[in-house]
């Protein structure tokens, strides 16, 4: 089968590789759509922290936002999975440690992460092998585009939920990228007054096309009481700025990651009685994202600017965009495109 393999910083190619074989407890999925994200770019440029800690090494196959159809099952897997349209969890805990037993398999010390960590090949290929227990079935109302947006949607659902938003709340999201916009969409379903702030005028303009009225440049956020602030930015100064903007007794939600260490003044956190929450992984939010997409409560299709084949992956990871791309922040891959 064809697969995109990253062999070093800035070096990747499409290769013919042996197709995966389903181990006991696993399924083989025919990949129909894959999303590219900032984590993939970090691997491409060589900045991803796992590369420096030894948790990931080249060569590797990226792709953790995916949708497809089950083509084969391994021993011990219910054959009823065959033919089903699915997506899956990225975080694969060992299912035996204390964290896994307590429902926190996404922070299992020995976890694999599909297309990221622990030598678990990702979905930038015609097929991918994943454990059957990690699957989530996609209903008819969730097409391939939406299916490949379930993983970022699960992250965003968790971030929105962590704000404990109510219709009486005013909430600010810093960073109008894919996660920030998805978080804003989920917050909107809770009835909150949603504000977005960022540094790029094009991204802010796109946010307005999605129906968000309160959109600001990061250096011109109005002096309003924000009951919660979600930091979905990769700017190093954003974490401290979020603390400056949130109301006393409010909530901070950190989901964006900067490329360098960030600092906040915990004296401000304590003296203002702020609750700070960090969000890692979509695991607990995947089913909720699927439900929201299927019902139409959240429609993130406009976020997808275009779709390329495997041969176009390298150019996208290097910062390029197809000539036909729309304004959205997300680009997808369809392995069937030649």
C-alpha atoms as a PDB file:
ATOM      1  CA  UNK A   1       0.000   0.000   0.000  1.00  0.00           C
ATOM      2  CA  UNK A   2       1.018   3.657  -0.317  1.00  0.00           C
ATOM      3  CA  UNK A   3       1.990   5.542   2.817  1.00  0.00           C
ATOM      4  CA  UNK A   4       3.629   8.875   3.650  1.00  0.00           C
ATOM      5  CA  UNK A   5       6.765   8.314   5.713  1.00  0.00           C
ATOM      6  CA  UNK A   6       8.684  11.034   7.502  1.00  0.00           C
ATOM      7  CA  UNK A   7      12.361  10.087   7.725  1.00  0.00           C
ATOM      8  CA  UNK A   8      13.835  13.247   9.247  1.00  0.00           C
ATOM      9  CA  UNK A   9      13.230  16.974   9.709  1.00  0.00           C
ATOM     10  CA  UNK A  10      11.841  18.268   6.441  1.00  0.00           C
ATOM     11  CA  UNK A  11      12.335  14.913   4.744  1.00  0.00           C
ATOM     12  CA  UNK A  12       9.369  12.744   3.818  1.00  0.00           C
ATOM     13  CA  UNK A  13       8.142  10.691   0.907  1.00  0.00           C
ATOM     14  CA  UNK A  14       5.315   8.457  -0.276  1.00  0.00           C
ATOM     15  CA  UNK A  15       6.465   4.832  -0.306  1.00  0.00           C
ATOM     16  CA  UNK A  16       5.015   1.448  -1.150  1.00  0.00           C
ATOM     17  CA  UNK A  17       5.024  -0.493   2.118  1.00  0.00           C
ATOM     18  CA  UNK A  18       3.555  -3.834   3.261  1.00  0.00           C
ATOM     19  CA  UNK A  19      -0.077  -3.443   4.312  1.00  0.00           C
ATOM     20  CA  UNK A  20      -0.796  -3.908   8.024  1.00  0.00           C
ATOM     21  CA  UNK A  21      -1.984  -7.252   9.378  1.00  0.00           C
ATOM     22  CA  UNK A  22      -4.546  -7.278  12.173  1.00  0.00           C
ATOM     23  CA  UNK A  23      -3.020  -8.555  15.402  1.00  0.00           C
ATOM     24  CA  UNK A  24      -5.328 -10.147  17.996  1.00  0.00           C
ATOM     25  CA  UNK A  25      -7.739  -7.490  19.223  1.00  0.00           C
ATOM     26  CA  UNK A  26      -7.030  -5.161  16.299  1.00  0.00           C
ATOM     27  CA  UNK A  27      -8.821  -4.105  13.131  1.00  0.00           C
ATOM     28  CA  UNK A  28      -7.567  -2.888   9.760  1.00  0.00           C
ATOM     29  CA  UNK A  29      -9.236   0.274   8.499  1.00  0.00           C
ATOM     30  CA  UNK A  30      -9.341   1.510   4.907  1.00  0.00           C
ATOM     31  CA  UNK A  31      -8.480   5.164   5.444  1.00  0.00           C
ATOM     32  CA  UNK A  32     -10.839   7.585   3.732  1.00  0.00           C
ATOM     33  CA  UNK A  33      -9.823  10.939   5.209  1.00  0.00           C
ATOM     34  CA  UNK A  34      -7.010  12.269   7.430  1.00  0.00           C
ATOM     35  CA  UNK A  35      -6.557  15.688   8.977  1.00  0.00           C
ATOM     36  CA  UNK A  36      -3.185  17.413   9.235  1.00  0.00           C
ATOM     37  CA  UNK A  37      -2.520  19.445  12.367  1.00  0.00           C
ATOM     38  CA  UNK A  38       0.120  21.430  14.224  1.00  0.00           C
ATOM     39  CA  UNK A  39       1.540  18.313  15.870  1.00  0.00           C
ATOM     40  CA  UNK A  40       2.272  16.864  12.429  1.00  0.00           C
ATOM     41  CA  UNK A  41       4.021  20.087  11.456  1.00  0.00           C
ATOM     42  CA  UNK A  42       6.154  19.943  14.619  1.00  0.00           C
ATOM     43  CA  UNK A  43       7.290  16.450  13.648  1.00  0.00           C
ATOM     44  CA  UNK A  44       8.021  17.641  10.119  1.00  0.00           C
ATOM     45  CA  UNK A  45      10.252  20.510  11.243  1.00  0.00           C
ATOM     46  CA  UNK A  46      11.804  18.452  14.058  1.00  0.00           C
ATOM     47  CA  UNK A  47      10.535  20.523  16.996  1.00  0.00           C
ATOM     48  CA  UNK A  48       8.153  17.956  18.511  1.00  0.00           C
ATOM     49  CA  UNK A  49       9.149  17.351  22.151  1.00  0.00           C
ATOM     50  CA  UNK A  50       8.743  13.568  21.849  1.00  0.00           C
ATOM     51  CA  UNK A  51      11.609  13.514  19.345  1.00  0.00           C
ATOM     52  CA  UNK A  52      13.938  15.030  21.928  1.00  0.00           C
ATOM     53  CA  UNK A  53      12.742  12.849  24.821  1.00  0.00           C
ATOM     54  CA  UNK A  54      13.018   9.609  22.839  1.00  0.00           C
ATOM     55  CA  UNK A  55       9.279   8.863  22.937  1.00  0.00           C
ATOM     56  CA  UNK A  56       9.188   9.130  19.139  1.00  0.00           C
ATOM     57  CA  UNK A  57      11.871   8.552  16.518  1.00  0.00           C
ATOM     58  CA  UNK A  58      12.216   8.804  12.761  1.00  0.00           C
ATOM     59  CA  UNK A  59      11.127   7.196  10.525  1.00  0.00           C
ATOM     60  CA  UNK A  60       7.480   7.557  11.439  1.00  0.00           C
ATOM     61  CA  UNK A  61       4.076   7.638   9.833  1.00  0.00           C
ATOM     62  CA  UNK A  62       1.907  10.549  10.899  1.00  0.00           C
ATOM     63  CA  UNK A  63      -1.881  10.824  10.954  1.00  0.00           C
ATOM     64  CA  UNK A  64      -4.038  10.796  14.105  1.00  0.00           C
ATOM     65  CA  UNK A  65      -7.187  12.594  12.869  1.00  0.00           C
ATOM     66  CA  UNK A  66      -8.829  10.034  10.631  1.00  0.00           C
ATOM     67  CA  UNK A  67     -11.977   8.335   9.392  1.00  0.00           C
ATOM     68  CA  UNK A  68     -12.389   5.126   7.435  1.00  0.00           C
ATOM     69  CA  UNK A  69     -14.099   1.784   7.044  1.00  0.00           C
ATOM     70  CA  UNK A  70     -13.169  -1.478   8.789  1.00  0.00           C
ATOM     71  CA  UNK A  71     -11.751  -3.906   6.216  1.00  0.00           C
ATOM     72  CA  UNK A  72     -10.457  -6.769   8.402  1.00  0.00           C
ATOM     73  CA  UNK A  73     -10.497  -7.905  12.013  1.00  0.00           C
ATOM     74  CA  UNK A  74      -8.002  -9.844  14.093  1.00  0.00           C
ATOM     75  CA  UNK A  75      -8.579 -12.724  16.456  1.00  0.00           C
ATOM     76  CA  UNK A  76     -10.957 -11.942  19.277  1.00  0.00           C
ATOM     77  CA  UNK A  77     -12.671  -9.068  17.491  1.00  0.00           C
ATOM     78  CA  UNK A  78     -16.401  -9.143  16.777  1.00  0.00           C
ATOM     79  CA  UNK A  79     -16.822  -9.563  13.021  1.00  0.00           C
ATOM     80  CA  UNK A  80     -19.770  -7.181  13.197  1.00  0.00           C
ATOM     81  CA  UNK A  81     -17.174  -4.418  12.934  1.00  0.00           C
ATOM     82  CA  UNK A  82     -16.510  -5.372   9.310  1.00  0.00           C
ATOM     83  CA  UNK A  83     -17.738  -2.675   6.920  1.00  0.00           C
ATOM     84  CA  UNK A  84     -18.508  -0.144   9.616  1.00  0.00           C
ATOM     85  CA  UNK A  85     -17.448   3.470   9.212  1.00  0.00           C
ATOM     86  CA  UNK A  86     -15.290   4.459  12.152  1.00  0.00           C
ATOM     87  CA  UNK A  87     -12.813   6.807  13.718  1.00  0.00           C
ATOM     88  CA  UNK A  88     -10.648   6.042  16.709  1.00  0.00           C
ATOM     89  CA  UNK A  89      -8.938   7.314  19.828  1.00  0.00           C
ATOM     90  CA  UNK A  90      -5.382   8.551  19.413  1.00  0.00           C
ATOM     91  CA  UNK A  91      -4.346   7.686  22.973  1.00  0.00           C
ATOM     92  CA  UNK A  92      -3.841   3.963  23.522  1.00  0.00           C
ATOM     93  CA  UNK A  93      -3.092   3.175  27.152  1.00  0.00           C
ATOM     94  CA  UNK A  94      -1.828  -0.199  28.324  1.00  0.00           C
ATOM     95  CA  UNK A  95      -5.248  -0.796  29.994  1.00  0.00           C
ATOM     96  CA  UNK A  96      -3.613  -2.357  33.069  1.00  0.00           C
ATOM     97  CA  UNK A  97      -1.903   0.461  34.995  1.00  0.00           C
ATOM     98  CA  UNK A  98      -3.533   2.505  37.765  1.00  0.00           C
ATOM     99  CA  UNK A  99      -4.206   5.456  35.468  1.00  0.00           C
ATOM    100  CA  UNK A 100      -5.923   3.289  32.879  1.00  0.00           C
ATOM    101  CA  UNK A 101      -8.001   1.530  35.518  1.00  0.00           C
ATOM    102  CA  UNK A 102      -9.166   4.925  36.774  1.00  0.00           C
ATOM    103  CA  UNK A 103     -10.307   5.957  33.288  1.00  0.00           C
ATOM    104  CA  UNK A 104      -7.251   8.077  32.491  1.00  0.00           C
ATOM    105  CA  UNK A 105      -5.702   5.935  29.775  1.00  0.00           C
ATOM    106  CA  UNK A 106      -4.855   9.085  27.815  1.00  0.00           C
ATOM    107  CA  UNK A 107      -2.092   9.850  30.352  1.00  0.00           C
ATOM    108  CA  UNK A 108      -0.883   6.263  30.733  1.00  0.00           C
ATOM    109  CA  UNK A 109       2.905   6.377  31.093  1.00  0.00           C
ATOM    110  CA  UNK A 110       3.271   3.474  28.666  1.00  0.00           C
ATOM    111  CA  UNK A 111       0.688   4.673  26.164  1.00  0.00           C
ATOM    112  CA  UNK A 112       1.029   4.600  22.421  1.00  0.00           C
ATOM    113  CA  UNK A 113      -0.334   7.502  20.393  1.00  0.00           C
ATOM    114  CA  UNK A 114      -1.469   6.766  16.844  1.00  0.00           C
ATOM    115  CA  UNK A 115       0.895   8.458  14.423  1.00  0.00           C
ATOM    116  CA  UNK A 116       2.760  10.164  17.261  1.00  0.00           C
ATOM    117  CA  UNK A 117       4.303   8.016  19.978  1.00  0.00           C
ATOM    118  CA  UNK A 118       5.353   4.475  20.758  1.00  0.00           C
ATOM    119  CA  UNK A 119       5.949   3.188  17.229  1.00  0.00           C
ATOM    120  CA  UNK A 120       2.216   3.102  16.399  1.00  0.00           C
ATOM    121  CA  UNK A 121       1.922   3.979  12.668  1.00  0.00           C
ATOM    122  CA  UNK A 122      -0.614   6.639  11.824  1.00  0.00           C
ATOM    123  CA  UNK A 123      -3.257   6.989   9.153  1.00  0.00           C
ATOM    124  CA  UNK A 124      -1.335   8.788   6.397  1.00  0.00           C
ATOM    125  CA  UNK A 125      -1.621   5.604   4.372  1.00  0.00           C
ATOM    126  CA  UNK A 126      -4.215   3.578   2.536  1.00  0.00           C
ATOM    127  CA  UNK A 127      -4.758   1.452   5.660  1.00  0.00           C
ATOM    128  CA  UNK A 128      -4.132   1.717   9.395  1.00  0.00           C
ATOM    129  CA  UNK A 129      -4.211  -0.883  12.190  1.00  0.00           C
ATOM    130  CA  UNK A 130      -5.777   0.094  15.524  1.00  0.00           C
ATOM    131  CA  UNK A 131      -7.174  -1.724  18.572  1.00  0.00           C
ATOM    132  CA  UNK A 132     -10.865  -2.514  18.279  1.00  0.00           C
ATOM    133  CA  UNK A 133     -11.474  -1.078  21.746  1.00  0.00           C
ATOM    134  CA  UNK A 134     -10.360   2.366  20.512  1.00  0.00           C
ATOM    135  CA  UNK A 135     -12.998   2.579  17.758  1.00  0.00           C
ATOM    136  CA  UNK A 136     -16.002   4.886  17.602  1.00  0.00           C
ATOM    137  CA  UNK A 137     -18.634   4.119  14.977  1.00  0.00           C
ATOM    138  CA  UNK A 138     -19.710   7.003  12.749  1.00  0.00           C
ATOM    139  CA  UNK A 139     -23.443   7.400  12.048  1.00  0.00           C
ATOM    140  CA  UNK A 140     -24.686   8.160   8.554  1.00  0.00           C
ATOM    141  CA  UNK A 141     -24.959  11.862   9.358  1.00  0.00           C
ATOM    142  CA  UNK A 142     -21.228  12.098  10.014  1.00  0.00           C
ATOM    143  CA  UNK A 143     -19.462  11.932   6.642  1.00  0.00           C
ATOM    144  CA  UNK A 144     -15.735  11.425   6.043  1.00  0.00           C
ATOM    145  CA  UNK A 145     -14.956  15.125   6.436  1.00  0.00           C
ATOM    146  CA  UNK A 146     -16.693  15.262   9.801  1.00  0.00           C
ATOM    147  CA  UNK A 147     -15.247  11.893  10.793  1.00  0.00           C
ATOM    148  CA  UNK A 148     -11.709  13.212  10.421  1.00  0.00           C
ATOM    149  CA  UNK A 149     -12.701  16.231  12.530  1.00  0.00           C
ATOM    150  CA  UNK A 150     -13.884  14.122  15.476  1.00  0.00           C
ATOM    151  CA  UNK A 151     -10.436  14.000  17.108  1.00  0.00           C
ATOM    152  CA  UNK A 152      -9.885  17.784  17.184  1.00  0.00           C
ATOM    153  CA  UNK A 153     -13.561  18.145  18.028  1.00  0.00           C
ATOM    154  CA  UNK A 154     -13.162  15.901  21.059  1.00  0.00           C
ATOM    155  CA  UNK A 155     -10.313  18.077  22.296  1.00  0.00           C
ATOM    156  CA  UNK A 156     -12.379  21.204  21.756  1.00  0.00           C
ATOM    157  CA  UNK A 157     -15.438  19.707  23.466  1.00  0.00           C
ATOM    158  CA  UNK A 158     -13.321  18.997  26.535  1.00  0.00           C
ATOM    159  CA  UNK A 159     -11.934  22.531  26.517  1.00  0.00           C
ATOM    160  CA  UNK A 160     -15.404  24.049  26.218  1.00  0.00           C
ATOM    161  CA  UNK A 161     -16.758  21.804  28.953  1.00  0.00           C
ATOM    162  CA  UNK A 162     -13.894  22.755  31.271  1.00  0.00           C
ATOM    163  CA  UNK A 163     -15.105  26.370  31.235  1.00  0.00           C
ATOM    164  CA  UNK A 164     -18.376  25.230  32.869  1.00  0.00           C
ATOM    165  CA  UNK A 165     -20.114  27.636  30.499  1.00  0.00           C
ATOM    166  CA  UNK A 166     -23.709  28.764  31.058  1.00  0.00           C
ATOM    167  CA  UNK A 167     -25.890  31.183  29.048  1.00  0.00           C
ATOM    168  CA  UNK A 168     -24.987  33.904  31.568  1.00  0.00           C
ATOM    169  CA  UNK A 169     -21.247  33.636  30.891  1.00  0.00           C
ATOM    170  CA  UNK A 170     -18.929  35.654  28.682  1.00  0.00           C
ATOM    171  CA  UNK A 171     -16.004  33.538  27.493  1.00  0.00           C
ATOM    172  CA  UNK A 172     -12.894  34.496  25.559  1.00  0.00           C
ATOM    173  CA  UNK A 173     -10.991  32.083  23.291  1.00  0.00           C
ATOM    174  CA  UNK A 174      -7.412  33.063  22.471  1.00  0.00           C
ATOM    175  CA  UNK A 175      -6.267  31.621  19.138  1.00  0.00           C
ATOM    176  CA  UNK A 176      -8.719  31.295  16.199  1.00  0.00           C
ATOM    177  CA  UNK A 177      -7.121  28.170  14.737  1.00  0.00           C
ATOM    178  CA  UNK A 178      -8.877  24.822  14.337  1.00  0.00           C
ATOM    179  CA  UNK A 179      -9.053  24.025  18.065  1.00  0.00           C
ATOM    180  CA  UNK A 180      -9.961  27.550  19.053  1.00  0.00           C
ATOM    181  CA  UNK A 181     -12.757  27.794  16.499  1.00  0.00           C
ATOM    182  CA  UNK A 182     -14.108  24.357  17.394  1.00  0.00           C
ATOM    183  CA  UNK A 183     -14.053  25.299  21.082  1.00  0.00           C
ATOM    184  CA  UNK A 184     -15.948  28.488  20.253  1.00  0.00           C
ATOM    185  CA  UNK A 185     -18.533  26.436  18.340  1.00  0.00           C
ATOM    186  CA  UNK A 186     -19.117  24.148  21.314  1.00  0.00           C
ATOM    187  CA  UNK A 187     -19.310  27.127  23.666  1.00  0.00           C
ATOM    188  CA  UNK A 188     -21.915  28.681  21.397  1.00  0.00           C
ATOM    189  CA  UNK A 189     -24.115  25.600  21.802  1.00  0.00           C
ATOM    190  CA  UNK A 190     -24.002  26.193  25.577  1.00  0.00           C
ATOM    191  CA  UNK A 191     -25.481  29.652  25.008  1.00  0.00           C
ATOM    192  CA  UNK A 192     -22.446  31.568  26.247  1.00  0.00           C
ATOM    193  CA  UNK A 193     -21.403  34.927  24.815  1.00  0.00           C
ATOM    194  CA  UNK A 194     -18.301  33.872  22.895  1.00  0.00           C
ATOM    195  CA  UNK A 195     -15.388  36.169  22.090  1.00  0.00           C
ATOM    196  CA  UNK A 196     -12.356  35.285  19.948  1.00  0.00           C
ATOM    197  CA  UNK A 197      -8.980  36.997  19.849  1.00  0.00           C
ATOM    198  CA  UNK A 198      -5.918  36.461  17.683  1.00  0.00           C
ATOM    199  CA  UNK A 199      -3.027  38.113  15.890  1.00  0.00           C
ATOM    200  CA  UNK A 200      -3.768  37.272  12.248  1.00  0.00           C
ATOM    201  CA  UNK A 201      -6.339  39.448  10.495  1.00  0.00           C
ATOM    202  CA  UNK A 202      -7.154  36.737   7.957  1.00  0.00           C
ATOM    203  CA  UNK A 203      -7.952  34.207  10.694  1.00  0.00           C
ATOM    204  CA  UNK A 204     -10.059  36.746  12.540  1.00  0.00           C
ATOM    205  CA  UNK A 205     -11.936  37.576   9.346  1.00  0.00           C
ATOM    206  CA  UNK A 206     -12.639  33.903   8.767  1.00  0.00           C
ATOM    207  CA  UNK A 207     -13.988  33.583  12.323  1.00  0.00           C
ATOM    208  CA  UNK A 208     -16.513  36.303  11.529  1.00  0.00           C
ATOM    209  CA  UNK A 209     -17.771  34.307   8.539  1.00  0.00           C
ATOM    210  CA  UNK A 210     -18.690  31.542  10.991  1.00  0.00           C
ATOM    211  CA  UNK A 211     -21.117  33.881  12.734  1.00  0.00           C
ATOM    212  CA  UNK A 212     -18.923  35.039  15.615  1.00  0.00           C
ATOM    213  CA  UNK A 213     -19.657  38.688  16.276  1.00  0.00           C
ATOM    214  CA  UNK A 214     -17.146  39.422  19.029  1.00  0.00           C
ATOM    215  CA  UNK A 215     -13.776  39.026  17.308  1.00  0.00           C
ATOM    216  CA  UNK A 216     -10.756  41.054  18.377  1.00  0.00           C
ATOM    217  CA  UNK A 217      -7.078  41.507  17.749  1.00  0.00           C
ATOM    218  CA  UNK A 218      -5.098  40.091  20.674  1.00  0.00           C
ATOM    219  CA  UNK A 219      -3.703  43.546  21.486  1.00  0.00           C
ATOM    220  CA  UNK A 220      -7.152  45.169  21.437  1.00  0.00           C
ATOM    221  CA  UNK A 221      -9.353  42.922  23.574  1.00  0.00           C
ATOM    222  CA  UNK A 222     -12.014  45.126  25.179  1.00  0.00           C
ATOM    223  CA  UNK A 223     -12.062  45.673  28.932  1.00  0.00           C
ATOM    224  CA  UNK A 224     -14.887  43.276  29.724  1.00  0.00           C
ATOM    225  CA  UNK A 225     -15.370  40.709  32.489  1.00  0.00           C
ATOM    226  CA  UNK A 226     -14.584  37.266  31.047  1.00  0.00           C
ATOM    227  CA  UNK A 227     -15.884  34.447  33.213  1.00  0.00           C
ATOM    228  CA  UNK A 228     -13.511  32.011  31.516  1.00  0.00           C
ATOM    229  CA  UNK A 229     -10.614  32.252  29.090  1.00  0.00           C
ATOM    230  CA  UNK A 230      -9.511  29.398  26.847  1.00  0.00           C
ATOM    231  CA  UNK A 231      -5.915  29.617  25.662  1.00  0.00           C
ATOM    232  CA  UNK A 232      -5.831  27.769  22.338  1.00  0.00           C
ATOM    233  CA  UNK A 233      -2.849  29.741  21.091  1.00  0.00           C
ATOM    234  CA  UNK A 234       0.752  28.648  20.510  1.00  0.00           C
ATOM    235  CA  UNK A 235       2.108  32.070  21.481  1.00  0.00           C
ATOM    236  CA  UNK A 236       4.431  31.943  24.492  1.00  0.00           C
ATOM    237  CA  UNK A 237       2.953  35.105  26.013  1.00  0.00           C
ATOM    238  CA  UNK A 238      -0.630  33.878  25.704  1.00  0.00           C
ATOM    239  CA  UNK A 239      -0.782  31.906  28.957  1.00  0.00           C
ATOM    240  CA  UNK A 240       0.034  34.961  31.074  1.00  0.00           C
ATOM    241  CA  UNK A 241      -2.296  37.136  29.012  1.00  0.00           C
ATOM    242  CA  UNK A 242      -5.147  34.700  29.671  1.00  0.00           C
ATOM    243  CA  UNK A 243      -4.588  35.078  33.416  1.00  0.00           C
ATOM    244  CA  UNK A 244      -4.677  38.860  33.083  1.00  0.00           C
ATOM    245  CA  UNK A 245      -8.013  38.759  31.254  1.00  0.00           C
ATOM    246  CA  UNK A 246     -10.038  36.279  33.307  1.00  0.00           C
ATOM    247  CA  UNK A 247     -12.409  37.453  36.035  1.00  0.00           C
ATOM    248  CA  UNK A 248     -11.611  36.722  39.695  1.00  0.00           C
ATOM    249  CA  UNK A 249     -13.129  33.352  40.635  1.00  0.00           C
ATOM    250  CA  UNK A 250     -13.168  32.504  36.913  1.00  0.00           C
ATOM    251  CA  UNK A 251     -11.654  29.623  34.999  1.00  0.00           C
ATOM    252  CA  UNK A 252      -8.617  29.286  32.762  1.00  0.00           C
ATOM    253  CA  UNK A 253      -8.443  26.452  30.251  1.00  0.00           C
ATOM    254  CA  UNK A 254      -5.084  25.736  28.643  1.00  0.00           C
ATOM    255  CA  UNK A 255      -5.131  23.611  25.495  1.00  0.00           C
ATOM    256  CA  UNK A 256      -2.635  25.412  23.245  1.00  0.00           C
ATOM    257  CA  UNK A 257       1.072  24.604  23.481  1.00  0.00           C
ATOM    258  CA  UNK A 258       3.888  27.064  22.829  1.00  0.00           C
ATOM    259  CA  UNK A 259       7.219  25.990  21.437  1.00  0.00           C
ATOM    260  CA  UNK A 260       9.030  27.386  24.490  1.00  0.00           C
ATOM    261  CA  UNK A 261       8.293  27.261  28.257  1.00  0.00           C
ATOM    262  CA  UNK A 262       5.629  29.685  29.436  1.00  0.00           C
ATOM    263  CA  UNK A 263       5.166  31.470  32.748  1.00  0.00           C
ATOM    264  CA  UNK A 264       2.190  32.562  34.815  1.00  0.00           C
ATOM    265  CA  UNK A 265       2.230  34.328  38.186  1.00  0.00           C
ATOM    266  CA  UNK A 266       0.646  31.872  40.592  1.00  0.00           C
ATOM    267  CA  UNK A 267       0.211  34.697  43.114  1.00  0.00           C
ATOM    268  CA  UNK A 268      -2.375  36.179  40.775  1.00  0.00           C
ATOM    269  CA  UNK A 269      -3.934  32.755  40.326  1.00  0.00           C
ATOM    270  CA  UNK A 270      -4.293  32.275  44.087  1.00  0.00           C
ATOM    271  CA  UNK A 271      -5.250  35.803  45.093  1.00  0.00           C
ATOM    272  CA  UNK A 272      -7.948  35.916  42.401  1.00  0.00           C
ATOM    273  CA  UNK A 273      -9.170  32.391  43.219  1.00  0.00           C
ATOM    274  CA  UNK A 274      -8.783  31.257  39.610  1.00  0.00           C
ATOM    275  CA  UNK A 275      -9.292  27.646  38.567  1.00  0.00           C
ATOM    276  CA  UNK A 276      -6.794  26.538  35.902  1.00  0.00           C
ATOM    277  CA  UNK A 277      -7.337  23.385  33.834  1.00  0.00           C
ATOM    278  CA  UNK A 278      -5.064  21.708  31.298  1.00  0.00           C
ATOM    279  CA  UNK A 279      -6.547  19.658  28.452  1.00  0.00           C
ATOM    280  CA  UNK A 280      -4.678  16.779  26.828  1.00  0.00           C
ATOM    281  CA  UNK A 281      -6.362  14.499  24.297  1.00  0.00           C
ATOM    282  CA  UNK A 282      -9.808  14.024  22.861  1.00  0.00           C
ATOM    283  CA  UNK A 283     -10.435  10.656  24.513  1.00  0.00           C
ATOM    284  CA  UNK A 284     -13.305  11.653  26.797  1.00  0.00           C
ATOM    285  CA  UNK A 285     -14.800  13.948  24.165  1.00  0.00           C
ATOM    286  CA  UNK A 286     -14.899  11.773  21.041  1.00  0.00           C
ATOM    287  CA  UNK A 287     -18.425  10.427  21.526  1.00  0.00           C
ATOM    288  CA  UNK A 288     -19.703  13.920  22.384  1.00  0.00           C
ATOM    289  CA  UNK A 289     -18.163  15.387  19.232  1.00  0.00           C
ATOM    290  CA  UNK A 290     -19.775  12.688  17.100  1.00  0.00           C
ATOM    291  CA  UNK A 291     -23.168  13.379  18.686  1.00  0.00           C
ATOM    292  CA  UNK A 292     -22.847  17.122  18.139  1.00  0.00           C
ATOM    293  CA  UNK A 293     -21.858  16.655  14.492  1.00  0.00           C
ATOM    294  CA  UNK A 294     -24.606  14.105  13.825  1.00  0.00           C
ATOM    295  CA  UNK A 295     -27.299  16.386  15.281  1.00  0.00           C
ATOM    296  CA  UNK A 296     -26.038  19.449  13.417  1.00  0.00           C
ATOM    297  CA  UNK A 297     -25.495  21.342  16.663  1.00  0.00           C
ATOM    298  CA  UNK A 298     -21.906  21.877  15.530  1.00  0.00           C
ATOM    299  CA  UNK A 299     -20.911  21.904  11.855  1.00  0.00           C
ATOM    300  CA  UNK A 300     -17.148  22.301  11.420  1.00  0.00           C
ATOM    301  CA  UNK A 301     -17.054  21.538   7.680  1.00  0.00           C
ATOM    302  CA  UNK A 302     -16.180  25.183   6.815  1.00  0.00           C
ATOM    303  CA  UNK A 303     -12.906  24.767   8.723  1.00  0.00           C
ATOM    304  CA  UNK A 304     -11.596  22.404   6.017  1.00  0.00           C
ATOM    305  CA  UNK A 305      -9.979  24.527   3.334  1.00  0.00           C
ATOM    306  CA  UNK A 306      -9.114  21.718   0.933  1.00  0.00           C
ATOM    307  CA  UNK A 307      -8.047  18.129   0.409  1.00  0.00           C
ATOM    308  CA  UNK A 308      -4.851  16.723  -1.075  1.00  0.00           C
ATOM    309  CA  UNK A 309      -3.550  13.227  -1.802  1.00  0.00           C
ATOM    310  CA  UNK A 310      -0.623  11.561  -0.072  1.00  0.00           C
ATOM    311  CA  UNK A 311       1.704  13.129  -2.634  1.00  0.00           C
ATOM    312  CA  UNK A 312       0.686  16.576  -1.423  1.00  0.00           C
ATOM    313  CA  UNK A 313       1.366  15.974   2.270  1.00  0.00           C
ATOM    314  CA  UNK A 314       4.972  17.162   2.270  1.00  0.00           C
ATOM    315  CA  UNK A 315       4.126  20.512   0.718  1.00  0.00           C
ATOM    316  CA  UNK A 316       1.355  21.115   3.268  1.00  0.00           C
ATOM    317  CA  UNK A 317       3.589  20.203   6.217  1.00  0.00           C
ATOM    318  CA  UNK A 318       6.195  22.606   4.824  1.00  0.00           C
ATOM    319  CA  UNK A 319       3.649  25.411   5.052  1.00  0.00           C
ATOM    320  CA  UNK A 320       2.117  25.345   1.590  1.00  0.00           C
ATOM    321  CA  UNK A 321      -1.544  25.432   0.659  1.00  0.00           C
ATOM    322  CA  UNK A 322      -3.217  24.136  -2.515  1.00  0.00           C
ATOM    323  CA  UNK A 323      -4.090  26.861  -5.015  1.00  0.00           C
ATOM    324  CA  UNK A 324      -7.741  25.918  -4.666  1.00  0.00           C
ATOM    325  CA  UNK A 325      -7.739  26.064  -0.842  1.00  0.00           C
ATOM    326  CA  UNK A 326     -10.435  28.026   0.914  1.00  0.00           C
ATOM    327  CA  UNK A 327     -10.040  30.237   3.972  1.00  0.00           C
ATOM    328  CA  UNK A 328     -10.324  27.592   6.695  1.00  0.00           C
ATOM    329  CA  UNK A 329      -7.356  26.543   8.845  1.00  0.00           C
ATOM    330  CA  UNK A 330      -7.575  22.786   8.263  1.00  0.00           C
ATOM    331  CA  UNK A 331      -6.318  20.694   5.343  1.00  0.00           C
ATOM    332  CA  UNK A 332      -7.331  17.074   4.795  1.00  0.00           C
ATOM    333  CA  UNK A 333      -5.751  14.148   3.006  1.00  0.00           C
ATOM    334  CA  UNK A 334      -7.610  11.569   0.919  1.00  0.00           C
ATOM    335  CA  UNK A 335      -5.273   8.600   0.289  1.00  0.00           C
ATOM    336  CA  UNK A 336      -7.258   7.612  -2.808  1.00  0.00           C
ATOM    337  CA  UNK A 337      -6.301  10.836  -4.635  1.00  0.00           C
ATOM    338  CA  UNK A 338      -3.441  10.308  -7.093  1.00  0.00           C
END
